[in-house]
All heavy atoms as atom14 arrays in JSON, in Angstrom:
{
  "sequence": "RDANVSVPIHFLLNRDGSVQGQPEAQTDSADPVIQATARAAISAIVEC",
  "atom14_mask": [
    [1, 1, 1, 1, 1, 1, 1, 1, 1, 1, 1, 0, 0, 0],
    [1, 1, 1, 1, 1, 1, 1, 1, 0, 0, 0, 0, 0, 0],
    [1, 1, 1, 1, 1, 0, 0, 0, 0, 0, 0, 0, 0, 0],
    [1, 1, 1, 1, 1, 1, 1, 1, 0, 0, 0, 0, 0, 0],
    [1, 1, 1, 1, 1, 1, 1, 0, 0, 0, 0, 0, 0, 0],
    [1, 1, 1, 1, 1, 1, 0, 0, 0, 0, 0, 0, 0, 0],
    [1, 1, 1, 1, 1, 1, 1, 0, 0, 0, 0, 0, 0, 0],
    [1, 1, 1, 1, 1, 1, 1, 0, 0, 0, 0, 0, 0, 0],
    [1, 1, 1, 1, 1, 1, 1, 1, 0, 0, 0, 0, 0, 0],
    [1, 1, 1, 1, 1, 1, 1, 1, 1, 1, 0, 0, 0, 0],
    [1, 1, 1, 1, 1, 1, 1, 1, 1, 1, 1, 0, 0, 0],
    [1, 1, 1, 1, 1, 1, 1, 1, 0, 0, 0, 0, 0, 0],
    [1, 1, 1, 1, 1, 1, 1, 1, 0, 0, 0, 0, 0, 0],
    [1, 1, 1, 1, 1, 1, 1, 1, 0, 0, 0, 0, 0, 0],
    [1, 1, 1, 1, 1, 1, 1, 1, 1, 1, 1, 0, 0, 0],
    [1, 1, 1, 1, 1, 1, 1, 1, 0, 0, 0, 0, 0, 0],
    [1, 1, 1, 1, 0, 0, 0, 0, 0, 0, 0, 0, 0, 0],
    [1, 1, 1, 1, 1, 1, 0, 0, 0, 0, 0, 0, 0, 0],
    [1, 1, 1, 1, 1, 1, 1, 0, 0, 0, 0, 0, 0, 0],
    [1, 1, 1, 1, 1, 1, 1, 1, 1, 0, 0, 0, 0, 0],
    [1, 1, 1, 1, 0, 0, 0, 0, 0, 0, 0, 0, 0, 0],
    [1, 1, 1, 1, 1, 1, 1, 1, 1, 0, 0, 0, 0, 0],
    [1, 1, 1, 1, 1, 1, 1, 0, 0, 0, 0, 0, 0, 0],
    [1, 1, 1, 1, 1, 1, 1, 1, 1, 0, 0, 0, 0, 0],
    [1, 1, 1, 1, 1, 0, 0, 0, 0, 0, 0, 0, 0, 0],
    [1, 1, 1, 1, 1, 1, 1, 1, 1, 0, 0, 0, 0, 0],
    [1, 1, 1, 1, 1, 1, 1, 0, 0, 0, 0, 0, 0, 0],
    [1, 1, 1, 1, 1, 1, 1, 1, 0, 0, 0, 0, 0, 0],
    [1, 1, 1, 1, 1, 1, 0, 0, 0, 0, 0, 0, 0, 0],
    [1, 1, 1, 1, 1, 0, 0, 0, 0, 0, 0, 0, 0, 0],
    [1, 1, 1, 1, 1, 1, 1, 1, 0, 0, 0, 0, 0, 0],
    [1, 1, 1, 1, 1, 1, 1, 0, 0, 0, 0, 0, 0, 0],
    [1, 1, 1, 1, 1, 1, 1, 0, 0, 0, 0, 0, 0, 0],
    [1, 1, 1, 1, 1, 1, 1, 1, 0, 0, 0, 0, 0, 0],
    [1, 1, 1, 1, 1, 1, 1, 1, 1, 0, 0, 0, 0, 0],
    [1, 1, 1, 1, 1, 0, 0, 0, 0, 0, 0, 0, 0, 0],
    [1, 1, 1, 1, 1, 1, 1, 0, 0, 0, 0, 0, 0, 0],
    [1, 1, 1, 1, 1, 0, 0, 0, 0, 0, 0, 0, 0, 0],
    [1, 1, 1, 1, 1, 1, 1, 1, 1, 1, 1, 0, 0, 0],
    [1, 1, 1, 1, 1, 0, 0, 0, 0, 0, 0, 0, 0, 0],
    [1, 1, 1, 1, 1, 0, 0, 0, 0, 0, 0, 0, 0, 0],
    [1, 1, 1, 1, 1, 1, 1, 1, 0, 0, 0, 0, 0, 0],
    [1, 1, 1, 1, 1, 1, 0, 0, 0, 0, 0, 0, 0, 0],
    [1, 1, 1, 1, 1, 0, 0, 0, 0, 0, 0, 0, 0, 0],
    [1, 1, 1, 1, 1, 1, 1, 1, 0, 0, 0, 0, 0, 0],
    [1, 1, 1, 1, 1, 1, 1, 0, 0, 0, 0, 0, 0, 0],
    [1, 1, 1, 1, 1, 1, 1, 1, 1, 0, 0, 0, 0, 0],
    [1, 1, 1, 1, 1, 1, 0, 0, 0, 0, 0, 0, 0, 0]
  ],
  "atom14_positions": [
    [[125.97, 71.9, 72.63], [127.36, 71.58, 73.03], [128.29, 71.66, 71.8], [129.39, 72.15, 71.89], [127.43, 70.18, 73.65], [126.88, 70.1, 75.03], [127.16, 68.71, 75.64], [126.37, 68.47, 76.81], [126.81, 68.67, 78.05], [128.02, 69.13, 78.23], [126.07, 68.43, 79.07], [0.0, 0.0, 0.0], [0.0, 0.0, 0.0], [0.0, 0.0, 0.0]],
    [[127.8, 71.07, 70.69], [128.64, 71.07, 69.49], [128.89, 72.47, 68.94], [129.97, 72.75, 68.43], [127.94, 70.25, 68.38], [127.8, 68.78, 68.78], [128.56, 68.31, 69.65], [126.92, 68.09, 68.21], [0.0, 0.0, 0.0], [0.0, 0.0, 0.0], [0.0, 0.0, 0.0], [0.0, 0.0, 0.0], [0.0, 0.0, 0.0], [0.0, 0.0, 0.0]],
    [[127.91, 73.36, 69.06], [128.04, 74.71, 68.53], [128.77, 75.65, 69.47], [129.1, 76.76, 69.07], [126.65, 75.26, 68.21], [0.0, 0.0, 0.0], [0.0, 0.0, 0.0], [0.0, 0.0, 0.0], [0.0, 0.0, 0.0], [0.0, 0.0, 0.0], [0.0, 0.0, 0.0], [0.0, 0.0, 0.0], [0.0, 0.0, 0.0], [0.0, 0.0, 0.0]],
    [[128.96, 75.22, 70.69], [129.63, 76.06, 71.72], [128.97, 77.39, 71.85], [129.61, 78.43, 71.77], [131.13, 76.19, 71.42], [131.88, 76.79, 72.63], [131.42, 76.73, 73.75], [133.01, 77.39, 72.34], [0.0, 0.0, 0.0], [0.0, 0.0, 0.0], [0.0, 0.0, 0.0], [0.0, 0.0, 0.0], [0.0, 0.0, 0.0], [0.0, 0.0, 0.0]],
    [[127.64, 77.38, 72.05], [126.87, 78.62, 72.18], [126.84, 79.09, 73.64], [127.0, 78.24, 74.55], [125.44, 78.5, 71.65], [125.46, 78.16, 70.17], [124.66, 77.46, 72.42], [0.0, 0.0, 0.0], [0.0, 0.0, 0.0], [0.0, 0.0, 0.0], [0.0, 0.0, 0.0], [0.0, 0.0, 0.0], [0.0, 0.0, 0.0], [0.0, 0.0, 0.0]],
    [[126.64, 80.34, 73.81], [126.52, 80.91, 75.13], [125.34, 81.89, 75.09], [125.27, 82.7, 74.19], [127.82, 81.64, 75.49], [127.75, 82.14, 76.78], [0.0, 0.0, 0.0], [0.0, 0.0, 0.0], [0.0, 0.0, 0.0], [0.0, 0.0, 0.0], [0.0, 0.0, 0.0], [0.0, 0.0, 0.0], [0.0, 0.0, 0.0], [0.0, 0.0, 0.0]],
    [[124.43, 81.75, 76.05], [123.22, 82.56, 76.07], [123.1, 83.23, 77.44], [122.99, 82.55, 78.45], [121.94, 81.72, 75.81], [120.71, 82.59, 75.8], [122.08, 80.98, 74.49], [0.0, 0.0, 0.0], [0.0, 0.0, 0.0], [0.0, 0.0, 0.0], [0.0, 0.0, 0.0], [0.0, 0.0, 0.0], [0.0, 0.0, 0.0], [0.0, 0.0, 0.0]],
    [[123.08, 84.55, 77.48], [122.85, 85.24, 78.76], [121.39, 85.2, 79.15], [120.53, 85.45, 78.32], [123.33, 86.68, 78.55], [123.36, 86.85, 77.06], [123.42, 85.48, 76.42], [0.0, 0.0, 0.0], [0.0, 0.0, 0.0], [0.0, 0.0, 0.0], [0.0, 0.0, 0.0], [0.0, 0.0, 0.0], [0.0, 0.0, 0.0], [0.0, 0.0, 0.0]],
    [[121.11, 84.79, 80.41], [119.74, 84.69, 80.91], [119.65, 85.62, 82.11], [120.42, 85.54, 83.06], [119.41, 83.27, 81.38], [119.7, 82.24, 80.25], [117.97, 83.16, 81.87], [118.81, 82.33, 79.05], [0.0, 0.0, 0.0], [0.0, 0.0, 0.0], [0.0, 0.0, 0.0], [0.0, 0.0, 0.0], [0.0, 0.0, 0.0], [0.0, 0.0, 0.0]],
    [[118.67, 86.53, 82.1], [118.44, 87.46, 83.19], [117.3, 86.95, 84.04], [116.25, 86.52, 83.51], [118.1, 88.87, 82.63], [117.78, 89.83, 83.72], [116.5, 90.32, 83.94], [118.54, 90.41, 84.66], [116.55, 91.14, 84.97], [117.76, 91.21, 85.42], [0.0, 0.0, 0.0], [0.0, 0.0, 0.0], [0.0, 0.0, 0.0], [0.0, 0.0, 0.0]],
    [[117.49, 86.96, 85.37], [116.41, 86.55, 86.25], [116.57, 87.24, 87.62], [117.67, 87.63, 88.02], [116.34, 85.02, 86.42], [117.56, 84.4, 87.03], [117.55, 83.99, 88.38], [118.71, 84.15, 86.29], [118.67, 83.38, 88.95], [119.82, 83.53, 86.83], [119.8, 83.17, 88.18], [0.0, 0.0, 0.0], [0.0, 0.0, 0.0], [0.0, 0.0, 0.0]],
    [[115.42, 87.42, 88.28], [115.39, 88.03, 89.61], [115.02, 86.95, 90.61], [114.27, 86.03, 90.29], [114.34, 89.13, 89.64], [114.58, 90.31, 88.67], [113.35, 91.22, 88.66], [115.81, 91.06, 89.01], [0.0, 0.0, 0.0], [0.0, 0.0, 0.0], [0.0, 0.0, 0.0], [0.0, 0.0, 0.0], [0.0, 0.0, 0.0], [0.0, 0.0, 0.0]],
    [[115.52, 87.12, 91.84], [115.18, 86.22, 92.92], [114.52, 86.97, 94.04], [114.85, 88.13, 94.32], [116.44, 85.52, 93.47], [117.15, 84.58, 92.5], [118.49, 84.12, 93.08], [116.27, 83.38, 92.18], [0.0, 0.0, 0.0], [0.0, 0.0, 0.0], [0.0, 0.0, 0.0], [0.0, 0.0, 0.0], [0.0, 0.0, 0.0], [0.0, 0.0, 0.0]],
    [[113.54, 86.31, 94.69], [112.93, 86.83, 95.87], [113.85, 86.55, 97.1], [114.71, 85.71, 97.02], [111.55, 86.2, 96.1], [110.61, 86.55, 94.99], [110.4, 87.72, 94.65], [110.01, 85.54, 94.39], [0.0, 0.0, 0.0], [0.0, 0.0, 0.0], [0.0, 0.0, 0.0], [0.0, 0.0, 0.0], [0.0, 0.0, 0.0], [0.0, 0.0, 0.0]],
    [[113.52, 87.2, 98.18], [114.32, 86.96, 99.41], [114.34, 85.51, 99.86], [115.29, 85.06, 100.46], [113.78, 87.84, 100.55], [114.15, 89.29, 100.4], [113.84, 90.07, 101.67], [114.2, 91.45, 101.5], [115.43, 91.96, 101.66], [116.4, 91.15, 102.02], [115.66, 93.23, 101.49], [0.0, 0.0, 0.0], [0.0, 0.0, 0.0], [0.0, 0.0, 0.0]],
    [[113.3, 84.78, 99.56], [113.23, 83.38, 99.99], [113.95, 82.41, 99.03], [113.98, 81.23, 99.25], [111.77, 82.92, 100.16], [110.98, 82.86, 98.87], [111.52, 83.25, 97.78], [109.79, 82.46, 98.92], [0.0, 0.0, 0.0], [0.0, 0.0, 0.0], [0.0, 0.0, 0.0], [0.0, 0.0, 0.0], [0.0, 0.0, 0.0], [0.0, 0.0, 0.0]],
    [[114.58, 82.96, 97.97], [115.36, 82.14, 97.04], [114.53, 81.65, 95.86], [115.04, 80.9, 95.03], [0.0, 0.0, 0.0], [0.0, 0.0, 0.0], [0.0, 0.0, 0.0], [0.0, 0.0, 0.0], [0.0, 0.0, 0.0], [0.0, 0.0, 0.0], [0.0, 0.0, 0.0], [0.0, 0.0, 0.0], [0.0, 0.0, 0.0], [0.0, 0.0, 0.0]],
    [[113.27, 82.04, 95.78], [112.43, 81.66, 94.63], [112.65, 82.64, 93.48], [113.03, 83.8, 93.68], [110.97, 81.62, 95.03], [110.5, 82.91, 95.46], [0.0, 0.0, 0.0], [0.0, 0.0, 0.0], [0.0, 0.0, 0.0], [0.0, 0.0, 0.0], [0.0, 0.0, 0.0], [0.0, 0.0, 0.0], [0.0, 0.0, 0.0], [0.0, 0.0, 0.0]],
    [[112.38, 82.14, 92.28], [112.51, 82.98, 91.08], [111.31, 83.91, 91.02], [110.16, 83.5, 91.19], [112.6, 82.12, 89.83], [112.61, 82.98, 88.57], [113.81, 81.22, 89.87], [0.0, 0.0, 0.0], [0.0, 0.0, 0.0], [0.0, 0.0, 0.0], [0.0, 0.0, 0.0], [0.0, 0.0, 0.0], [0.0, 0.0, 0.0], [0.0, 0.0, 0.0]],
    [[111.59, 85.21, 90.77], [110.57, 86.21, 90.64], [110.24, 86.39, 89.18], [111.1, 86.74, 88.36], [111.07, 87.51, 91.21], [110.09, 88.63, 91.2], [110.71, 89.9, 91.74], [111.09, 90.76, 90.96], [110.92, 89.99, 93.06], [0.0, 0.0, 0.0], [0.0, 0.0, 0.0], [0.0, 0.0, 0.0], [0.0, 0.0, 0.0], [0.0, 0.0, 0.0]],
    [[109.0, 86.11, 88.78], [108.62, 86.21, 87.38], [109.21, 85.11, 86.53], [109.53, 84.04, 87.0], [0.0, 0.0, 0.0], [0.0, 0.0, 0.0], [0.0, 0.0, 0.0], [0.0, 0.0, 0.0], [0.0, 0.0, 0.0], [0.0, 0.0, 0.0], [0.0, 0.0, 0.0], [0.0, 0.0, 0.0], [0.0, 0.0, 0.0], [0.0, 0.0, 0.0]],
    [[109.44, 85.43, 85.26], [110.0, 84.48, 84.31], [111.37, 84.93, 83.87], [111.53, 86.07, 83.43], [109.08, 84.38, 83.1], [109.49, 83.41, 82.04], [109.44, 81.95, 82.49], [108.71, 81.61, 83.43], [110.17, 81.09, 81.84], [0.0, 0.0, 0.0], [0.0, 0.0, 0.0], [0.0, 0.0, 0.0], [0.0, 0.0, 0.0], [0.0, 0.0, 0.0]],
    [[112.39, 84.07, 83.97], [113.7, 84.4, 83.45], [113.59, 84.74, 81.95], [112.73, 84.19, 81.24], [114.56, 83.16, 83.67], [113.87, 82.47, 84.8], [112.41, 82.77, 84.59], [0.0, 0.0, 0.0], [0.0, 0.0, 0.0], [0.0, 0.0, 0.0], [0.0, 0.0, 0.0], [0.0, 0.0, 0.0], [0.0, 0.0, 0.0], [0.0, 0.0, 0.0]],
    [[114.51, 85.6, 81.46], [114.46, 86.02, 80.05], [115.83, 85.87, 79.43], [116.84, 86.27, 79.98], [114.02, 87.47, 79.92], [112.63, 87.71, 80.39], [112.2, 89.17, 80.22], [112.99, 90.0, 79.69], [111.08, 89.49, 80.66], [0.0, 0.0, 0.0], [0.0, 0.0, 0.0], [0.0, 0.0, 0.0], [0.0, 0.0, 0.0], [0.0, 0.0, 0.0]],
    [[115.85, 85.3, 78.2], [117.07, 85.25, 77.44], [117.45, 86.63, 76.92], [116.55, 87.36, 76.45], [116.92, 84.28, 76.28], [0.0, 0.0, 0.0], [0.0, 0.0, 0.0], [0.0, 0.0, 0.0], [0.0, 0.0, 0.0], [0.0, 0.0, 0.0], [0.0, 0.0, 0.0], [0.0, 0.0, 0.0], [0.0, 0.0, 0.0], [0.0, 0.0, 0.0]],
    [[118.65, 86.99, 77.06], [119.13, 88.33, 76.63], [119.77, 88.2, 75.25], [120.95, 88.53, 75.09], [120.13, 88.89, 77.66], [119.58, 89.01, 79.05], [118.55, 90.11, 79.16], [118.94, 91.27, 79.15], [117.3, 89.76, 79.3], [0.0, 0.0, 0.0], [0.0, 0.0, 0.0], [0.0, 0.0, 0.0], [0.0, 0.0, 0.0], [0.0, 0.0, 0.0]],
    [[119.02, 87.71, 74.29], [119.49, 87.54, 72.93], [118.36, 87.81, 71.96], [117.19, 87.54, 72.33], [120.08, 86.14, 72.69], [120.55, 86.06, 71.34], [119.07, 85.04, 72.92], [0.0, 0.0, 0.0], [0.0, 0.0, 0.0], [0.0, 0.0, 0.0], [0.0, 0.0, 0.0], [0.0, 0.0, 0.0], [0.0, 0.0, 0.0], [0.0, 0.0, 0.0]],
    [[118.67, 88.35, 70.83], [117.64, 88.52, 69.81], [117.87, 87.58, 68.63], [117.29, 87.74, 67.59], [117.55, 89.99, 69.35], [118.9, 90.5, 68.84], [119.88, 89.73, 68.8], [118.96, 91.67, 68.45], [0.0, 0.0, 0.0], [0.0, 0.0, 0.0], [0.0, 0.0, 0.0], [0.0, 0.0, 0.0], [0.0, 0.0, 0.0], [0.0, 0.0, 0.0]],
    [[118.72, 86.58, 68.84], [119.05, 85.63, 67.78], [117.83, 84.73, 67.49], [117.15, 84.25, 68.41], [120.23, 84.76, 68.21], [120.44, 83.75, 67.24], [0.0, 0.0, 0.0], [0.0, 0.0, 0.0], [0.0, 0.0, 0.0], [0.0, 0.0, 0.0], [0.0, 0.0, 0.0], [0.0, 0.0, 0.0], [0.0, 0.0, 0.0], [0.0, 0.0, 0.0]],
    [[117.6, 84.46, 66.23], [116.57, 83.55, 65.81], [117.13, 82.16, 65.57], [116.38, 81.25, 65.19], [115.92, 84.07, 64.54], [0.0, 0.0, 0.0], [0.0, 0.0, 0.0], [0.0, 0.0, 0.0], [0.0, 0.0, 0.0], [0.0, 0.0, 0.0], [0.0, 0.0, 0.0], [0.0, 0.0, 0.0], [0.0, 0.0, 0.0], [0.0, 0.0, 0.0]],
    [[118.41, 81.97, 65.81], [119.05, 80.66, 65.59], [118.34, 79.63, 66.47], [118.24, 79.79, 67.67], [120.53, 80.78, 65.97], [121.29, 79.48, 65.72], [120.84, 78.42, 66.23], [122.34, 79.54, 65.05], [0.0, 0.0, 0.0], [0.0, 0.0, 0.0], [0.0, 0.0, 0.0], [0.0, 0.0, 0.0], [0.0, 0.0, 0.0], [0.0, 0.0, 0.0]],
    [[117.88, 78.51, 65.87], [117.14, 77.51, 66.62], [117.96, 76.87, 67.75], [117.43, 76.52, 68.78], [116.71, 76.47, 65.61], [117.26, 76.87, 64.31], [117.91, 78.21, 64.43], [0.0, 0.0, 0.0], [0.0, 0.0, 0.0], [0.0, 0.0, 0.0], [0.0, 0.0, 0.0], [0.0, 0.0, 0.0], [0.0, 0.0, 0.0], [0.0, 0.0, 0.0]],
    [[119.27, 76.75, 67.56], [120.16, 76.17, 68.59], [120.21, 77.16, 69.77], [120.11, 76.71, 70.94], [121.55, 75.88, 68.07], [122.48, 75.45, 69.18], [121.47, 74.78, 67.0], [0.0, 0.0, 0.0], [0.0, 0.0, 0.0], [0.0, 0.0, 0.0], [0.0, 0.0, 0.0], [0.0, 0.0, 0.0], [0.0, 0.0, 0.0], [0.0, 0.0, 0.0]],
    [[120.36, 78.4, 69.53], [120.4, 79.4, 70.62], [119.07, 79.46, 71.33], [118.99, 79.5, 72.56], [120.84, 80.77, 70.08], [122.32, 80.68, 69.66], [120.62, 81.87, 71.13], [122.88, 81.93, 69.04], [0.0, 0.0, 0.0], [0.0, 0.0, 0.0], [0.0, 0.0, 0.0], [0.0, 0.0, 0.0], [0.0, 0.0, 0.0], [0.0, 0.0, 0.0]],
    [[117.97, 79.41, 70.6], [116.63, 79.45, 71.2], [116.39, 78.21, 72.05], [115.89, 78.3, 73.15], [115.57, 79.58, 70.13], [115.54, 80.94, 69.41], [115.28, 82.05, 70.4], [114.35, 82.0, 71.21], [116.09, 83.1, 70.37], [0.0, 0.0, 0.0], [0.0, 0.0, 0.0], [0.0, 0.0, 0.0], [0.0, 0.0, 0.0], [0.0, 0.0, 0.0]],
    [[116.8, 77.05, 71.58], [116.63, 75.79, 72.37], [117.51, 75.83, 73.61], [117.09, 75.39, 74.68], [117.0, 74.6, 71.49], [0.0, 0.0, 0.0], [0.0, 0.0, 0.0], [0.0, 0.0, 0.0], [0.0, 0.0, 0.0], [0.0, 0.0, 0.0], [0.0, 0.0, 0.0], [0.0, 0.0, 0.0], [0.0, 0.0, 0.0], [0.0, 0.0, 0.0]],
    [[118.71, 76.37, 73.5], [119.63, 76.5, 74.64], [119.03, 77.45, 75.65], [119.06, 77.18, 76.87], [121.0, 76.98, 74.19], [121.51, 76.06, 73.23], [121.97, 77.1, 75.35], [0.0, 0.0, 0.0], [0.0, 0.0, 0.0], [0.0, 0.0, 0.0], [0.0, 0.0, 0.0], [0.0, 0.0, 0.0], [0.0, 0.0, 0.0], [0.0, 0.0, 0.0]],
    [[118.47, 78.55, 75.23], [117.83, 79.49, 76.13], [116.66, 78.87, 76.88], [116.54, 79.02, 78.08], [117.36, 80.72, 75.37], [0.0, 0.0, 0.0], [0.0, 0.0, 0.0], [0.0, 0.0, 0.0], [0.0, 0.0, 0.0], [0.0, 0.0, 0.0], [0.0, 0.0, 0.0], [0.0, 0.0, 0.0], [0.0, 0.0, 0.0], [0.0, 0.0, 0.0]],
    [[115.82, 78.11, 76.16], [114.7, 77.43, 76.82], [115.19, 76.44, 77.85], [114.63, 76.32, 78.95], [113.82, 76.74, 75.78], [112.94, 77.69, 75.0], [111.9, 76.97, 74.16], [112.49, 76.02, 73.2], [112.91, 76.34, 71.99], [112.82, 77.58, 71.57], [113.41, 75.4, 71.19], [0.0, 0.0, 0.0], [0.0, 0.0, 0.0], [0.0, 0.0, 0.0]],
    [[116.25, 75.7, 77.54], [116.81, 74.73, 78.52], [117.35, 75.44, 79.75], [117.13, 74.96, 80.85], [117.91, 73.9, 77.84], [0.0, 0.0, 0.0], [0.0, 0.0, 0.0], [0.0, 0.0, 0.0], [0.0, 0.0, 0.0], [0.0, 0.0, 0.0], [0.0, 0.0, 0.0], [0.0, 0.0, 0.0], [0.0, 0.0, 0.0], [0.0, 0.0, 0.0]],
    [[118.03, 76.55, 79.54], [118.58, 77.29, 80.7], [117.48, 77.86, 81.56], [117.52, 77.75, 82.78], [119.49, 78.42, 80.18], [0.0, 0.0, 0.0], [0.0, 0.0, 0.0], [0.0, 0.0, 0.0], [0.0, 0.0, 0.0], [0.0, 0.0, 0.0], [0.0, 0.0, 0.0], [0.0, 0.0, 0.0], [0.0, 0.0, 0.0], [0.0, 0.0, 0.0]],
    [[116.46, 78.45, 80.95], [115.32, 79.01, 81.69], [114.63, 77.92, 82.48], [114.31, 78.11, 83.67], [114.38, 79.77, 80.74], [115.06, 81.04, 80.26], [113.05, 80.04, 81.43], [114.34, 81.73, 79.11], [0.0, 0.0, 0.0], [0.0, 0.0, 0.0], [0.0, 0.0, 0.0], [0.0, 0.0, 0.0], [0.0, 0.0, 0.0], [0.0, 0.0, 0.0]],
    [[114.41, 76.78, 81.84], [113.76, 75.66, 82.52], [114.57, 75.2, 83.73], [114.02, 74.97, 84.82], [113.59, 74.51, 81.52], [113.03, 73.38, 82.18], [0.0, 0.0, 0.0], [0.0, 0.0, 0.0], [0.0, 0.0, 0.0], [0.0, 0.0, 0.0], [0.0, 0.0, 0.0], [0.0, 0.0, 0.0], [0.0, 0.0, 0.0], [0.0, 0.0, 0.0]],
    [[115.91, 75.14, 83.6], [116.75, 74.69, 84.71], [116.73, 75.7, 85.84], [116.62, 75.31, 87.02], [118.17, 74.52, 84.21], [0.0, 0.0, 0.0], [0.0, 0.0, 0.0], [0.0, 0.0, 0.0], [0.0, 0.0, 0.0], [0.0, 0.0, 0.0], [0.0, 0.0, 0.0], [0.0, 0.0, 0.0], [0.0, 0.0, 0.0], [0.0, 0.0, 0.0]],
    [[116.73, 77.0, 85.54], [116.69, 78.0, 86.57], [115.41, 77.88, 87.38], [115.41, 77.95, 88.61], [116.86, 79.44, 85.98], [118.27, 79.62, 85.46], [116.47, 80.54, 86.98], [118.46, 80.83, 84.53], [0.0, 0.0, 0.0], [0.0, 0.0, 0.0], [0.0, 0.0, 0.0], [0.0, 0.0, 0.0], [0.0, 0.0, 0.0], [0.0, 0.0, 0.0]],
    [[114.29, 77.73, 86.67], [112.98, 77.62, 87.36], [112.89, 76.32, 88.16], [112.46, 76.29, 89.31], [111.86, 77.75, 86.33], [110.51, 77.44, 86.98], [111.84, 79.15, 85.72], [0.0, 0.0, 0.0], [0.0, 0.0, 0.0], [0.0, 0.0, 0.0], [0.0, 0.0, 0.0], [0.0, 0.0, 0.0], [0.0, 0.0, 0.0], [0.0, 0.0, 0.0]],
    [[113.28, 75.2, 87.55], [113.17, 73.92, 88.2], [114.06, 73.76, 89.43], [113.77, 73.02, 90.37], [113.47, 72.79, 87.21], [112.37, 72.59, 86.2], [112.7, 71.53, 85.18], [113.52, 70.64, 85.47], [112.1, 71.58, 84.09], [0.0, 0.0, 0.0], [0.0, 0.0, 0.0], [0.0, 0.0, 0.0], [0.0, 0.0, 0.0], [0.0, 0.0, 0.0]],
    [[115.19, 74.46, 89.46], [116.13, 74.34, 90.56], [115.86, 75.3, 91.71], [116.58, 75.3, 92.71], [117.55, 74.53, 90.07], [118.12, 73.22, 89.0], [0.0, 0.0, 0.0], [0.0, 0.0, 0.0], [0.0, 0.0, 0.0], [0.0, 0.0, 0.0], [0.0, 0.0, 0.0], [0.0, 0.0, 0.0], [0.0, 0.0, 0.0], [0.0, 0.0, 0.0]]
  ]
}
């Protein structure tokens, strides 16, 4: 939140609304804040 980062996450959905495979962050940044943000976003997509 403090860094105001934005991370694009790509994911596919099945017809039943479930996530197909594993969502992927569309960034090659090694920044730990960006990586942690990407993991949080992927986790939320899967859990929801």
